[in-house]
Amino acid sequence: MKSSKKILALAMSAAVVTSIAAAGTLAYLTSQDTAVNTFTVGKVDIEIDESKVGPDGKIIPGEAPVKQNEYVDVLPGDVLDKDPAVTVKGGSADCYVYVAVWNCLANASGQDVLEYVDWEANDENWEWVTEYLPWEAPAIEVYRYDGVLAEEGLVKSSNEDIQLGTVFVNNQVKIKGSATADDLADIYAPVILVKGFAIQADNLEADGMAGRDAADAMAEEFFTNLGNWSWE
């Protein structure tokens, strides 16, 4: 039966070919079209800077923001202005925004880490997420923006730049009065680092988590990778 069907199919094919050949040259009917899909890639773009300070450690009014300040001849008990803030650039997608503070003005020798600067995060703007202790060095403290410009930690997209709240309470840090000149000469590194990180909110998944939990995990992974830090 199968052989008969195959023979019949071949015979029918031959009949069609014979019929076309007998009709002579045919005009071919053709058509074409193209659907062009243009993709504009979204972005998440942040900047972090702070007011410029003078030799006395006080903000200089009217000066443009800077990425780095230098505090000279600091003494125990000095109160220094420091107002780092994160700006989410216009056109950025919905995102979660983080800062980490690495206070390296500390003596990290031996088992103890003695910090010589007092500071406190502004909890009206920034919610503590986690801390990381690299080796015997001072802790890296990680915070998520949760101020009035966010909805449950989510900074919504805007065509305008959005400057989030500053990091430190009263925009200041203080050299501990208990620190001696010898202490300050034997510190881990003469810097306080403040680093920003932002990640898109939509379609966010990591290690079985989604949304803000996934963002927290990714921020922790980013900040605890010391290769992402720079001393300059």
C-alpha atoms as a PDB file:
ATOM      1  CA  MET A   1       0.000   0.000   0.000  1.00  0.00           C
ATOM      2  CA  LYS A   2       2.819   2.414   0.931  1.00  0.00           C
ATOM      3  CA  SER A   3       4.589   1.696  -2.350  1.00  0.00           C
ATOM      4  CA  SER A   4       1.428   2.375  -4.260  1.00  0.00           C
ATOM      5  CA  LYS A   5       0.938   5.756  -2.535  1.00  0.00           C
ATOM      6  CA  LYS A   6       4.543   6.713  -3.246  1.00  0.00           C
ATOM      7  CA  ILE A   7       4.171   5.771  -6.920  1.00  0.00           C
ATOM      8  CA  LEU A   8       0.935   7.718  -7.124  1.00  0.00           C
ATOM      9  CA  ALA A   9       2.562  10.781  -5.545  1.00  0.00           C
ATOM     10  CA  LEU A  10       5.425  10.651  -7.998  1.00  0.00           C
ATOM     11  CA  ALA A  11       3.010  10.240 -10.883  1.00  0.00           C
ATOM     12  CA  MET A  12       1.031  13.274  -9.756  1.00  0.00           C
ATOM     13  CA  SER A  13       4.217  15.323  -9.436  1.00  0.00           C
ATOM     14  CA  ALA A  14       5.225  14.343 -12.905  1.00  0.00           C
ATOM     15  CA  ALA A  15       1.800  15.293 -14.207  1.00  0.00           C
ATOM     16  CA  VAL A  16       2.089  18.765 -12.647  1.00  0.00           C
ATOM     17  CA  VAL A  17       5.526  19.336 -14.110  1.00  0.00           C
ATOM     18  CA  THR A  18       4.296  18.190 -17.514  1.00  0.00           C
ATOM     19  CA  SER A  19       1.346  20.541 -17.281  1.00  0.00           C
ATOM     20  CA  ILE A  20       3.535  23.566 -16.423  1.00  0.00           C
ATOM     21  CA  ALA A  21       5.966  22.765 -19.171  1.00  0.00           C
ATOM     22  CA  ALA A  22       3.143  22.566 -21.612  1.00  0.00           C
ATOM     23  CA  ALA A  23       1.885  26.014 -20.608  1.00  0.00           C
ATOM     24  CA  GLY A  24       5.130  27.696 -21.537  1.00  0.00           C
ATOM     25  CA  THR A  25       7.045  30.399 -19.519  1.00  0.00           C
ATOM     26  CA  LEU A  26       5.052  31.833 -16.602  1.00  0.00           C
ATOM     27  CA  ALA A  27       5.378  35.245 -14.927  1.00  0.00           C
ATOM     28  CA  TYR A  28       6.311  34.887 -11.274  1.00  0.00           C
ATOM     29  CA  LEU A  29       4.244  36.773  -8.733  1.00  0.00           C
ATOM     30  CA  THR A  30       6.494  38.084  -5.968  1.00  0.00           C
ATOM     31  CA  SER A  31       6.253  40.366  -2.962  1.00  0.00           C
ATOM     32  CA  GLN A  32       8.448  41.412  -0.084  1.00  0.00           C
ATOM     33  CA  ASP A  33       8.297  43.532   3.033  1.00  0.00           C
ATOM     34  CA  THR A  34      10.475  44.294   6.049  1.00  0.00           C
ATOM     35  CA  ALA A  35       9.543  45.079   9.631  1.00  0.00           C
ATOM     36  CA  VAL A  36      12.290  47.209  11.172  1.00  0.00           C
ATOM     37  CA  ASN A  37      12.499  47.019  14.987  1.00  0.00           C
ATOM     38  CA  THR A  38      14.663  49.728  16.532  1.00  0.00           C
ATOM     39  CA  PHE A  39      15.855  49.184  20.098  1.00  0.00           C
ATOM     40  CA  THR A  40      17.012  52.078  22.272  1.00  0.00           C
ATOM     41  CA  VAL A  41      18.889  50.673  25.224  1.00  0.00           C
ATOM     42  CA  GLY A  42      17.861  52.062  28.609  1.00  0.00           C
ATOM     43  CA  LYS A  43      20.363  53.219  31.210  1.00  0.00           C
ATOM     44  CA  VAL A  44      20.995  53.663  34.883  1.00  0.00           C
ATOM     45  CA  ASP A  45      23.395  56.520  35.452  1.00  0.00           C
ATOM     46  CA  ILE A  46      24.478  58.066  38.767  1.00  0.00           C
ATOM     47  CA  GLU A  47      27.062  60.566  39.950  1.00  0.00           C
ATOM     48  CA  ILE A  48      28.434  61.088  43.440  1.00  0.00           C
ATOM     49  CA  ASP A  49      30.178  64.256  44.515  1.00  0.00           C
ATOM     50  CA  GLU A  50      30.422  66.651  47.449  1.00  0.00           C
ATOM     51  CA  SER A  51      30.984  70.318  48.228  1.00  0.00           C
ATOM     52  CA  LYS A  52      34.523  71.630  48.053  1.00  0.00           C
ATOM     53  CA  VAL A  53      36.107  72.378  51.419  1.00  0.00           C
ATOM     54  CA  GLY A  54      38.897  74.760  52.332  1.00  0.00           C
ATOM     55  CA  PRO A  55      42.024  74.189  54.418  1.00  0.00           C
ATOM     56  CA  ASP A  56      39.931  74.613  57.567  1.00  0.00           C
ATOM     57  CA  GLY A  57      37.724  71.654  56.597  1.00  0.00           C
ATOM     58  CA  LYS A  58      34.700  73.894  56.025  1.00  0.00           C
ATOM     59  CA  ILE A  59      32.597  74.061  52.853  1.00  0.00           C
ATOM     60  CA  ILE A  60      33.490  76.918  50.491  1.00  0.00           C
ATOM     61  CA  PRO A  61      30.197  78.524  49.400  1.00  0.00           C
ATOM     62  CA  GLY A  62      29.680  78.908  45.666  1.00  0.00           C
ATOM     63  CA  GLU A  63      32.364  76.422  44.599  1.00  0.00           C
ATOM     64  CA  ALA A  64      31.505  73.675  42.125  1.00  0.00           C
ATOM     65  CA  PRO A  65      31.061  70.163  43.576  1.00  0.00           C
ATOM     66  CA  VAL A  66      34.120  67.902  43.564  1.00  0.00           C
ATOM     67  CA  LYS A  67      34.889  64.192  43.573  1.00  0.00           C
ATOM     68  CA  GLN A  68      37.624  64.507  46.157  1.00  0.00           C
ATOM     69  CA  ASN A  69      38.552  66.749  49.057  1.00  0.00           C
ATOM     70  CA  GLU A  70      41.806  67.002  50.956  1.00  0.00           C
ATOM     71  CA  TYR A  71      41.787  67.775  54.661  1.00  0.00           C
ATOM     72  CA  VAL A  72      45.147  69.032  55.910  1.00  0.00           C
ATOM     73  CA  ASP A  73      46.672  69.354  59.365  1.00  0.00           C
ATOM     74  CA  VAL A  74      43.681  67.722  61.060  1.00  0.00           C
ATOM     75  CA  LEU A  75      43.762  67.471  64.836  1.00  0.00           C
ATOM     76  CA  PRO A  76      41.926  65.321  67.383  1.00  0.00           C
ATOM     77  CA  GLY A  77      38.528  66.871  68.036  1.00  0.00           C
ATOM     78  CA  ASP A  78      38.259  68.591  64.630  1.00  0.00           C
ATOM     79  CA  VAL A  79      34.773  68.655  63.072  1.00  0.00           C
ATOM     80  CA  LEU A  80      35.007  68.529  59.282  1.00  0.00           C
ATOM     81  CA  ASP A  81      32.341  69.278  56.673  1.00  0.00           C
ATOM     82  CA  LYS A  82      31.566  66.379  54.377  1.00  0.00           C
ATOM     83  CA  ASP A  83      28.341  66.208  52.349  1.00  0.00           C
ATOM     84  CA  PRO A  84      28.607  63.519  49.647  1.00  0.00           C
ATOM     85  CA  ALA A  85      25.358  63.007  47.736  1.00  0.00           C
ATOM     86  CA  VAL A  86      24.205  60.787  44.888  1.00  0.00           C
ATOM     87  CA  THR A  87      22.510  62.206  41.793  1.00  0.00           C
ATOM     88  CA  VAL A  88      20.448  59.919  39.568  1.00  0.00           C
ATOM     89  CA  LYS A  89      20.834  61.353  36.086  1.00  0.00           C
ATOM     90  CA  GLY A  90      17.798  62.264  34.009  1.00  0.00           C
ATOM     91  CA  GLY A  91      16.521  59.498  31.760  1.00  0.00           C
ATOM     92  CA  SER A  92      17.683  56.710  34.050  1.00  0.00           C
ATOM     93  CA  ALA A  93      15.401  53.714  34.470  1.00  0.00           C
ATOM     94  CA  ASP A  94      13.676  52.908  37.766  1.00  0.00           C
ATOM     95  CA  CYS A  95      16.481  51.850  40.076  1.00  0.00           C
ATOM     96  CA  TYR A  96      17.667  51.047  43.555  1.00  0.00           C
ATOM     97  CA  VAL A  97      20.512  53.277  44.751  1.00  0.00           C
ATOM     98  CA  TYR A  98      23.195  52.468  47.303  1.00  0.00           C
ATOM     99  CA  VAL A  99      26.191  54.049  48.976  1.00  0.00           C
ATOM    100  CA  ALA A 100      28.965  52.413  50.935  1.00  0.00           C
ATOM    101  CA  VAL A 101      31.199  54.182  53.435  1.00  0.00           C
ATOM    102  CA  TRP A 102      34.681  52.826  54.052  1.00  0.00           C
ATOM    103  CA  ASN A 103      36.198  54.747  56.945  1.00  0.00           C
ATOM    104  CA  CYS A 104      39.860  53.917  56.605  1.00  0.00           C
ATOM    105  CA  LEU A 105      41.010  56.470  59.164  1.00  0.00           C
ATOM    106  CA  ALA A 106      41.706  53.635  61.561  1.00  0.00           C
ATOM    107  CA  ASN A 107      44.503  51.585  63.026  1.00  0.00           C
ATOM    108  CA  ALA A 108      44.087  48.147  61.536  1.00  0.00           C
ATOM    109  CA  SER A 109      47.168  46.475  62.975  1.00  0.00           C
ATOM    110  CA  GLY A 110      46.705  43.267  64.918  1.00  0.00           C
ATOM    111  CA  GLN A 111      43.283  41.942  65.897  1.00  0.00           C
ATOM    112  CA  ASP A 112      41.705  45.288  66.813  1.00  0.00           C
ATOM    113  CA  VAL A 113      40.450  47.959  64.474  1.00  0.00           C
ATOM    114  CA  LEU A 114      40.379  51.350  66.176  1.00  0.00           C
ATOM    115  CA  GLU A 115      38.526  53.972  64.183  1.00  0.00           C
ATOM    116  CA  TYR A 116      39.611  57.568  64.675  1.00  0.00           C
ATOM    117  CA  VAL A 117      36.658  59.271  62.993  1.00  0.00           C
ATOM    118  CA  ASP A 118      33.124  59.495  64.339  1.00  0.00           C
ATOM    119  CA  TRP A 119      30.398  59.600  61.733  1.00  0.00           C
ATOM    120  CA  GLU A 120      26.769  58.642  61.463  1.00  0.00           C
ATOM    121  CA  ALA A 121      24.704  57.902  58.374  1.00  0.00           C
ATOM    122  CA  ASN A 122      21.659  60.088  57.806  1.00  0.00           C
ATOM    123  CA  ASP A 123      18.889  57.550  58.381  1.00  0.00           C
ATOM    124  CA  GLU A 124      16.290  59.945  56.984  1.00  0.00           C
ATOM    125  CA  ASN A 125      17.835  59.231  53.595  1.00  0.00           C
ATOM    126  CA  TRP A 126      19.800  56.001  53.864  1.00  0.00           C
ATOM    127  CA  GLU A 127      18.830  52.634  55.326  1.00  0.00           C
ATOM    128  CA  TRP A 128      21.559  50.304  56.542  1.00  0.00           C
ATOM    129  CA  VAL A 129      21.798  47.066  54.533  1.00  0.00           C
ATOM    130  CA  THR A 130      24.932  45.255  55.631  1.00  0.00           C
ATOM    131  CA  GLU A 131      28.586  45.595  56.565  1.00  0.00           C
ATOM    132  CA  TYR A 132      31.638  43.802  55.275  1.00  0.00           C
ATOM    133  CA  LEU A 133      34.891  43.278  57.148  1.00  0.00           C
ATOM    134  CA  PRO A 134      37.777  42.924  54.683  1.00  0.00           C
ATOM    135  CA  TRP A 135      40.632  41.143  56.450  1.00  0.00           C
ATOM    136  CA  GLU A 136      41.503  43.154  59.557  1.00  0.00           C
ATOM    137  CA  ALA A 137      40.623  46.432  57.876  1.00  0.00           C
ATOM    138  CA  PRO A 138      37.799  48.763  58.915  1.00  0.00           C
ATOM    139  CA  ALA A 139      34.276  47.743  57.951  1.00  0.00           C
ATOM    140  CA  ILE A 140      32.565  48.741  54.726  1.00  0.00           C
ATOM    141  CA  GLU A 141      29.053  49.928  55.636  1.00  0.00           C
ATOM    142  CA  VAL A 142      26.404  49.595  52.919  1.00  0.00           C
ATOM    143  CA  TYR A 143      23.197  51.669  52.765  1.00  0.00           C
ATOM    144  CA  ARG A 144      20.202  51.847  50.398  1.00  0.00           C
ATOM    145  CA  TYR A 145      18.472  55.121  49.596  1.00  0.00           C
ATOM    146  CA  ASP A 146      15.065  55.126  51.269  1.00  0.00           C
ATOM    147  CA  GLY A 147      14.283  58.844  51.542  1.00  0.00           C
ATOM    148  CA  VAL A 148      11.302  60.879  50.390  1.00  0.00           C
ATOM    149  CA  LEU A 149      12.344  60.665  46.730  1.00  0.00           C
ATOM    150  CA  ALA A 150      11.921  56.890  46.703  1.00  0.00           C
ATOM    151  CA  GLU A 151       8.948  54.539  46.935  1.00  0.00           C
ATOM    152  CA  GLU A 152       9.936  51.680  49.256  1.00  0.00           C
ATOM    153  CA  GLY A 153      13.526  52.154  48.197  1.00  0.00           C
ATOM    154  CA  LEU A 154      12.717  52.491  44.507  1.00  0.00           C
ATOM    155  CA  VAL A 155      13.841  55.678  42.733  1.00  0.00           C
ATOM    156  CA  LYS A 156      11.450  56.216  39.835  1.00  0.00           C
ATOM    157  CA  SER A 157      12.515  57.232  36.360  1.00  0.00           C
ATOM    158  CA  SER A 158      12.537  60.944  35.564  1.00  0.00           C
ATOM    159  CA  ASN A 159      13.667  63.116  32.692  1.00  0.00           C
ATOM    160  CA  GLU A 160      15.305  65.411  35.230  1.00  0.00           C
ATOM    161  CA  ASP A 161      18.320  64.802  37.462  1.00  0.00           C
ATOM    162  CA  ILE A 162      17.323  63.668  40.953  1.00  0.00           C
ATOM    163  CA  GLN A 163      19.699  64.541  43.774  1.00  0.00           C
ATOM    164  CA  LEU A 164      19.191  62.196  46.668  1.00  0.00           C
ATOM    165  CA  GLY A 165      19.828  63.194  50.279  1.00  0.00           C
ATOM    166  CA  THR A 166      23.334  63.519  51.666  1.00  0.00           C
ATOM    167  CA  VAL A 167      25.005  60.632  53.459  1.00  0.00           C
ATOM    168  CA  PHE A 168      26.237  61.956  56.827  1.00  0.00           C
ATOM    169  CA  VAL A 169      24.257  63.433  59.699  1.00  0.00           C
ATOM    170  CA  ASN A 170      24.765  67.224  59.743  1.00  0.00           C
ATOM    171  CA  ASN A 171      27.044  66.752  56.714  1.00  0.00           C
ATOM    172  CA  GLN A 172      29.996  66.364  59.041  1.00  0.00           C
ATOM    173  CA  VAL A 173      32.503  63.904  60.422  1.00  0.00           C
ATOM    174  CA  LYS A 174      34.601  64.340  63.574  1.00  0.00           C
ATOM    175  CA  ILE A 175      38.134  63.298  64.398  1.00  0.00           C
ATOM    176  CA  LYS A 176      37.919  61.534  67.751  1.00  0.00           C
ATOM    177  CA  GLY A 177      39.315  63.542  70.610  1.00  0.00           C
ATOM    178  CA  SER A 178      40.866  60.382  72.008  1.00  0.00           C
ATOM    179  CA  ALA A 179      43.074  59.948  68.926  1.00  0.00           C
ATOM    180  CA  THR A 180      46.688  60.916  69.472  1.00  0.00           C
ATOM    181  CA  ALA A 181      49.173  62.252  66.951  1.00  0.00           C
ATOM    182  CA  ASP A 182      50.820  58.820  66.940  1.00  0.00           C
ATOM    183  CA  ASP A 183      47.447  57.210  66.228  1.00  0.00           C
ATOM    184  CA  LEU A 184      46.832  59.463  63.252  1.00  0.00           C
ATOM    185  CA  ALA A 185      50.325  58.778  61.939  1.00  0.00           C
ATOM    186  CA  ASP A 186      49.713  55.024  61.970  1.00  0.00           C
ATOM    187  CA  ILE A 187      46.394  54.618  60.216  1.00  0.00           C
ATOM    188  CA  TYR A 188      45.237  52.069  57.664  1.00  0.00           C
ATOM    189  CA  ALA A 189      44.869  54.728  54.951  1.00  0.00           C
ATOM    190  CA  PRO A 190      44.298  58.484  55.253  1.00  0.00           C
ATOM    191  CA  VAL A 191      40.929  58.446  53.512  1.00  0.00           C
ATOM    192  CA  ILE A 192      37.188  58.125  53.986  1.00  0.00           C
ATOM    193  CA  LEU A 193      35.736  56.573  50.851  1.00  0.00           C
ATOM    194  CA  VAL A 194      32.105  57.004  49.842  1.00  0.00           C
ATOM    195  CA  LYS A 195      31.071  55.006  46.799  1.00  0.00           C
ATOM    196  CA  GLY A 196      27.744  54.883  44.959  1.00  0.00           C
ATOM    197  CA  PHE A 197      26.043  52.015  43.139  1.00  0.00           C
ATOM    198  CA  ALA A 198      22.684  51.774  41.344  1.00  0.00           C
ATOM    199  CA  ILE A 199      20.890  48.924  39.607  1.00  0.00           C
ATOM    200  CA  GLN A 200      17.766  48.710  37.458  1.00  0.00           C
ATOM    201  CA  ALA A 201      14.569  47.710  39.260  1.00  0.00           C
ATOM    202  CA  ASP A 202      12.654  45.968  36.473  1.00  0.00           C
ATOM    203  CA  ASN A 203      13.237  42.276  35.667  1.00  0.00           C
ATOM    204  CA  LEU A 204      15.664  41.971  38.555  1.00  0.00           C
ATOM    205  CA  GLU A 205      16.423  38.486  39.848  1.00  0.00           C
ATOM    206  CA  ALA A 206      19.393  37.004  41.704  1.00  0.00           C
ATOM    207  CA  ASP A 207      19.856  33.721  43.580  1.00  0.00           C
ATOM    208  CA  GLY A 208      16.131  33.037  43.715  1.00  0.00           C
ATOM    209  CA  MET A 209      15.354  36.554  44.926  1.00  0.00           C
ATOM    210  CA  ALA A 210      13.600  39.356  43.091  1.00  0.00           C
ATOM    211  CA  GLY A 211      13.108  43.104  43.394  1.00  0.00           C
ATOM    212  CA  ARG A 212      14.682  44.907  46.342  1.00  0.00           C
ATOM    213  CA  ASP A 213      16.065  41.729  47.936  1.00  0.00           C
ATOM    214  CA  ALA A 214      17.887  40.899  44.710  1.00  0.00           C
ATOM    215  CA  ALA A 215      19.171  44.474  44.486  1.00  0.00           C
ATOM    216  CA  ASP A 216      20.493  44.311  48.066  1.00  0.00           C
ATOM    217  CA  ALA A 217      22.352  41.102  47.261  1.00  0.00           C
ATOM    218  CA  MET A 218      23.868  42.585  44.105  1.00  0.00           C
ATOM    219  CA  ALA A 219      24.926  45.744  45.938  1.00  0.00           C
ATOM    220  CA  GLU A 220      26.605  43.669  48.640  1.00  0.00           C
ATOM    221  CA  GLU A 221      28.424  41.641  45.992  1.00  0.00           C
ATOM    222  CA  PHE A 222      29.586  44.830  44.268  1.00  0.00           C
ATOM    223  CA  PHE A 223      30.859  46.617  47.368  1.00  0.00           C
ATOM    224  CA  THR A 224      32.578  43.585  48.872  1.00  0.00           C
ATOM    225  CA  ASN A 225      34.627  43.144  45.704  1.00  0.00           C
ATOM    226  CA  LEU A 226      37.633  45.271  46.628  1.00  0.00           C
ATOM    227  CA  GLY A 227      38.547  45.487  42.949  1.00  0.00           C
ATOM    228  CA  ASN A 228      35.643  47.944  42.606  1.00  0.00           C
ATOM    229  CA  TRP A 229      37.249  50.392  45.027  1.00  0.00           C
ATOM    230  CA  SER A 230      39.802  53.033  44.217  1.00  0.00           C
ATOM    231  CA  TRP A 231      41.903  55.167  46.529  1.00  0.00           C
ATOM    232  CA  GLU A 232      41.837  58.090  44.077  1.00  0.00           C
END
